[in-house]
Each structure stands twice: as C-alpha cells, then as structure tokens.
Amino acid sequence: MGLHPLLKEIESSYRRTDLPELRAGDSVRVHTLIKEGDKERVQIFEGVVIGQHRGGSRASFTVRKISYGVGVERIFPLHTSRIEKIEIVARGEVRRARLNYLRELEGKAARIKGEKSSEETPAQSAGAAAAVAPASGSAPEAAS
C-alpha cells in the first residue's frame, strides 16, 4: 500500500538531507531549538538512541538518558526544522533494533558496547611490538 505520487512529492519536499545515519545503540547529542517567551535558544539532549520509527517525512527516533537518577526519554521527529543538528558521540554495537530492555537496567548493566574499529592506533601497535621484542630477546639468554 503505497502513497499517492502527489503525496510522495509533497512529503519529499519536507525531508532533510543533512542528517547523519542513526542506528539503535548510538550515543547522540541532539541540538533542539526551544522557544521561551519571545526568545529562542538551543538546548542539547544527550543520550542513547533506543529505537527508530521509519516512515518518510514522519520518521522519528527515541533518545534515552539518565538525569539525576531518573530515566528520561524523548521522541524527536527526524525531519523537523526544530532540530538544529544531530551529533553522533559514539557508535554502539547492539543486536536489536529496539533497546527497550535498557529501561529495566541500571548503572554499569545499562552500558552499551562500543563499535570495534578495524584499525589499531599507533600507540597500540607500538606497545604490541615492544611486548614481543623483549620476549624474543630474553629467550636465548634464559636457555644459556
């Protein structure tokens, strides 16, 4: 059941193209425009993406954070003009599309594993080489 071509065209005109690729488990910082009286300011909401709802221009995503010991969730429409920008702080490695189980977890249990990078940093590779070099140099001395 698809949308009428005219509706598709109207919806596509409201879609944003400057958004990063979000996934469940990512830690994000959402910069939102807040109106207070006659002034507008940017408020940052930082947390973990626990789910997404796709649907063209009606797409949304849910972000969860712990504030003063209380879990706070906020649902953001993805293609709204009230979101100034979305920063991805860290990529999370999860095996589910919806992370509702995080609501029952507390403290260290609620952490999400970070995505492993395929390349080593220079400090890691130098440390590994240094650990190998003394072991190979000391083996012949121990034998004599």
Protein backbone atom coordinates (compact mmCIF):
# COMPACT_ATOMS: atom_id res chain seq x y z
CA MET A 1 0.00 0.00 0.00
CA GLY A 2 1.97 2.96 -1.27
CA LEU A 3 1.35 6.66 -1.13
CA HIS A 4 -0.20 8.61 -3.95
CA PRO A 5 2.54 10.13 -6.17
CA LEU A 6 1.35 13.66 -5.35
CA LEU A 7 1.59 12.96 -1.59
CA LYS A 8 5.05 11.43 -2.06
CA GLU A 9 6.21 14.57 -3.83
CA ILE A 10 4.84 16.85 -1.11
CA GLU A 11 6.38 14.74 1.66
CA SER A 12 9.77 14.57 -0.05
CA SER A 13 9.92 18.38 -0.14
CA TYR A 14 9.91 18.42 3.70
CA ARG A 15 12.63 15.80 4.17
CA ARG A 16 16.05 16.86 5.45
CA THR A 17 19.23 15.72 3.75
CA ASP A 18 21.78 16.91 6.34
CA LEU A 19 21.08 14.18 8.92
CA PRO A 20 23.64 11.56 9.95
CA GLU A 21 22.96 7.83 9.69
CA LEU A 22 21.49 6.89 13.07
CA ARG A 23 21.25 3.37 14.49
CA ALA A 24 19.96 1.93 17.73
CA GLY A 25 22.68 1.98 20.38
CA ASP A 26 24.36 5.15 19.15
CA SER A 27 25.10 7.86 21.69
CA VAL A 28 23.88 11.13 20.22
CA ARG A 29 23.71 14.80 21.06
CA VAL A 30 20.54 16.43 19.67
CA HIS A 31 20.60 20.24 19.41
CA THR A 32 16.99 21.40 19.64
CA LEU A 33 15.55 24.89 19.29
CA ILE A 34 13.49 25.78 22.37
CA LYS A 35 11.18 28.77 22.42
CA GLU A 36 10.89 30.60 25.76
CA GLY A 37 8.63 33.62 25.55
CA ASP A 38 9.84 35.64 22.60
CA LYS A 39 13.38 34.19 22.64
CA GLU A 40 14.77 31.03 21.09
CA ARG A 41 17.74 29.09 22.37
CA VAL A 42 19.43 25.78 21.60
CA GLN A 43 19.08 23.00 24.15
CA ILE A 44 21.19 19.85 23.93
CA PHE A 45 19.71 16.45 24.78
CA GLU A 46 22.41 13.76 25.02
CA GLY A 47 21.58 10.07 25.32
CA VAL A 48 21.32 6.69 23.62
CA VAL A 49 19.10 6.02 20.61
CA ILE A 50 16.81 3.19 21.77
CA GLY A 51 14.67 2.99 18.65
CA GLN A 52 13.65 4.46 15.35
CA HIS A 53 10.35 4.66 13.54
CA ARG A 54 10.78 4.96 9.81
CA GLY A 55 8.13 6.46 7.61
CA GLY A 56 9.34 9.05 5.15
CA SER A 57 8.81 12.57 6.41
CA ARG A 58 7.04 11.20 9.52
CA ALA A 59 10.15 9.31 10.72
CA SER A 60 11.17 9.70 14.37
CA PHE A 61 13.74 8.39 16.83
CA THR A 62 13.73 7.93 20.60
CA VAL A 63 16.65 9.02 22.80
CA ARG A 64 17.04 7.93 26.43
CA LYS A 65 19.24 9.42 29.12
CA ILE A 66 19.53 9.27 32.91
CA SER A 67 19.08 12.67 34.55
CA TYR A 68 19.65 12.87 38.32
CA GLY A 69 18.91 9.17 38.69
CA VAL A 70 15.67 9.29 36.68
CA GLY A 71 15.36 7.86 33.17
CA VAL A 72 14.19 10.43 30.63
CA GLU A 73 13.11 9.54 27.10
CA ARG A 74 12.34 11.94 24.35
CA ILE A 75 10.92 11.25 20.90
CA PHE A 76 12.23 13.53 18.16
CA PRO A 77 10.68 13.86 14.70
CA LEU A 78 13.57 13.27 12.32
CA HIS A 79 12.69 15.80 9.62
CA THR A 80 11.62 18.73 11.81
CA SER A 81 13.05 22.21 11.50
CA ARG A 82 13.27 22.43 15.33
CA ILE A 83 16.32 20.16 15.33
CA GLU A 84 19.37 22.25 14.56
CA LYS A 85 21.79 19.35 14.29
CA ILE A 86 22.43 15.79 15.48
CA GLU A 87 25.93 14.78 16.57
CA ILE A 88 26.92 11.14 16.93
CA VAL A 89 29.12 10.93 20.02
CA ALA A 90 29.80 7.16 19.87
CA ARG A 91 28.63 4.23 17.81
CA GLY A 92 27.14 1.41 19.83
CA GLU A 93 27.26 -2.25 18.92
CA VAL A 94 23.88 -3.87 19.58
CA ARG A 95 22.00 -6.76 18.03
CA ARG A 96 18.48 -5.40 18.29
CA ALA A 97 16.52 -2.66 16.58
CA ARG A 98 14.67 -1.59 19.74
CA LEU A 99 16.51 -1.30 23.05
CA ASN A 100 13.51 -1.24 25.38
CA TYR A 101 15.30 -3.59 27.77
CA LEU A 102 17.51 -0.65 28.84
CA ARG A 103 14.54 0.73 30.80
CA GLU A 104 14.90 -2.00 33.45
CA LEU A 105 18.70 -1.83 33.72
CA GLU A 106 20.69 0.47 35.98
CA GLY A 107 24.30 1.59 36.31
CA LYS A 108 27.00 -0.43 34.60
CA ALA A 109 24.50 -3.00 33.33
CA ALA A 110 22.92 -0.32 31.14
CA ARG A 111 26.14 0.34 29.23
CA ILE A 112 26.36 -0.46 25.54
CA LYS A 113 29.48 -1.89 23.98
CA GLY A 114 31.25 0.44 21.59
CA GLU A 115 31.80 -0.50 18.00
CA LYS A 116 35.21 -2.05 17.41
CA SER A 117 37.42 -0.21 14.95
CA SER A 118 39.18 -2.25 12.26
CA GLU A 119 42.47 -0.37 12.55
CA GLU A 120 44.81 -0.12 15.52
CA THR A 121 46.07 3.16 16.85
CA PRO A 122 49.86 3.75 16.58
CA ALA A 123 50.23 3.53 20.37
CA GLN A 124 48.59 0.09 20.44
CA SER A 125 50.76 -1.29 17.64
CA ALA A 126 53.96 0.13 19.21
CA GLY A 127 53.01 -1.38 22.58
CA ALA A 128 52.41 -4.76 20.98
CA ALA A 129 55.78 -4.64 19.19
CA ALA A 130 57.58 -3.69 22.42
CA ALA A 131 55.95 -6.57 24.27
CA VAL A 132 57.09 -9.05 21.62
CA ALA A 133 60.69 -7.76 21.30
CA PRO A 134 61.89 -8.39 24.90
CA ALA A 135 60.28 -11.82 24.99
CA SER A 136 62.17 -12.97 21.90
CA GLY A 137 65.44 -11.36 23.08
CA SER A 138 65.32 -12.91 26.56
CA ALA A 139 64.50 -16.45 25.45
CA PRO A 140 68.07 -17.34 24.24
CA GLU A 141 69.62 -15.84 27.41
CA ALA A 142 67.40 -17.98 29.62
CA ALA A 143 68.46 -21.10 27.74
CA SER A 144 72.21 -20.47 28.39
